[in-house]
């Protein structure tokens, strides 16, 4: 397999790319958002993103560092690659 690696901080996905990822996501949409110290510093509420694709996309367009990674896309399907063991199964 010859993967395309996208360095999300140098080439962040735009709204259209995020919409495509969300449309094919096999995980809950809120899993795209990292709930780390930056998330907490911004005083965001995790419940605001549960089953709310538009809110997730809006947040990630504005705060690219909050994008969970890795995101693995194969065709029209996508997953959050955590734990890493999910990646091999998804790609097979």
Protein backbone atom coordinates (compact mmCIF):
# COMPACT_ATOMS: atom_id res chain seq x y z
CA UNK A 1 0.00 0.00 0.00
CA UNK A 2 1.23 3.47 -0.85
CA UNK A 3 -0.42 5.86 1.65
CA UNK A 4 -0.75 9.61 1.26
CA UNK A 5 0.38 11.18 4.51
CA UNK A 6 -1.05 14.61 5.26
CA UNK A 7 0.70 16.66 7.92
CA UNK A 8 -2.40 18.30 9.34
CA UNK A 9 -0.60 21.25 10.96
CA UNK A 10 1.15 22.20 7.69
CA UNK A 11 -1.76 21.26 5.41
CA UNK A 12 -4.90 21.32 7.55
CA UNK A 13 -8.03 19.89 6.00
CA UNK A 14 -10.40 22.58 4.80
CA UNK A 15 -14.16 22.53 5.38
CA UNK A 16 -14.79 20.45 2.25
CA UNK A 17 -12.22 17.82 3.25
CA UNK A 18 -13.64 17.64 6.78
CA UNK A 19 -17.16 17.23 5.38
CA UNK A 20 -15.98 14.26 3.29
CA UNK A 21 -14.27 12.69 6.30
CA UNK A 22 -17.35 13.17 8.46
CA UNK A 23 -19.63 11.74 5.75
CA UNK A 24 -17.63 8.50 5.66
CA UNK A 25 -16.70 8.29 9.32
CA UNK A 26 -17.42 4.94 10.95
CA UNK A 27 -16.83 6.40 14.42
CA UNK A 28 -18.94 8.91 16.34
CA UNK A 29 -18.27 12.36 14.89
CA UNK A 30 -17.22 13.72 18.28
CA UNK A 31 -14.25 11.32 18.21
CA UNK A 32 -12.61 13.62 15.64
CA UNK A 33 -12.06 16.18 18.40
CA UNK A 34 -9.15 15.84 20.83
CA UNK A 35 -10.35 16.54 24.35
CA UNK A 36 -6.90 17.54 25.57
CA UNK A 37 -5.51 20.45 27.60
CA UNK A 38 -6.05 22.86 24.70
CA UNK A 39 -9.71 21.82 24.52
CA UNK A 40 -10.03 22.47 28.25
CA UNK A 41 -8.14 25.76 28.05
CA UNK A 42 -10.66 26.96 25.47
CA UNK A 43 -13.38 26.01 28.00
CA UNK A 44 -15.22 23.90 25.46
CA UNK A 45 -17.97 21.49 26.46
CA UNK A 46 -17.56 17.97 25.00
CA UNK A 47 -21.34 17.53 24.96
CA UNK A 48 -21.61 20.30 22.35
CA UNK A 49 -19.97 18.00 19.79
CA UNK A 50 -21.84 14.75 20.42
CA UNK A 51 -23.68 13.74 17.24
CA UNK A 52 -23.16 17.29 15.92
CA UNK A 53 -21.16 17.18 12.66
CA UNK A 54 -21.51 20.89 11.92
CA UNK A 55 -20.15 21.90 15.33
CA UNK A 56 -17.23 19.48 14.94
CA UNK A 57 -16.39 20.81 11.47
CA UNK A 58 -16.68 24.44 12.60
CA UNK A 59 -14.37 23.75 15.54
CA UNK A 60 -11.77 21.90 13.48
CA UNK A 61 -11.69 24.57 10.78
CA UNK A 62 -10.94 27.12 13.50
CA UNK A 63 -8.76 24.95 15.80
CA UNK A 64 -6.79 22.54 13.62
CA UNK A 65 -4.70 21.34 16.59
CA UNK A 66 -7.84 19.72 18.05
CA UNK A 67 -8.12 17.25 15.16
CA UNK A 68 -7.74 13.73 16.51
CA UNK A 69 -5.15 11.71 14.69
CA UNK A 70 -4.43 9.69 12.85
CA UNK A 71 -7.43 9.78 10.58
CA UNK A 72 -7.36 6.95 8.05
CA UNK A 73 -9.35 7.29 4.85
CA UNK A 74 -9.91 4.45 2.40
CA UNK A 75 -12.18 5.24 -0.51
CA UNK A 76 -15.24 6.91 0.99
CA UNK A 77 -14.81 5.41 4.47
CA UNK A 78 -12.81 6.89 7.35
CA UNK A 79 -11.86 5.97 10.90
CA UNK A 80 -9.98 7.49 13.79
CA UNK A 81 -6.85 5.33 13.98
CA UNK A 82 -6.90 4.89 17.74
CA UNK A 83 -5.92 2.49 19.00
CA UNK A 84 -3.42 1.89 16.19
CA UNK A 85 -4.50 -1.75 15.94
CA UNK A 86 -7.70 -0.57 14.22
CA UNK A 87 -5.75 0.66 11.20
CA UNK A 88 -4.61 -2.74 9.89
CA UNK A 89 -8.10 -4.19 10.21
CA UNK A 90 -9.65 -1.18 8.45
CA UNK A 91 -7.18 -1.32 5.57
CA UNK A 92 -7.49 -5.08 5.00
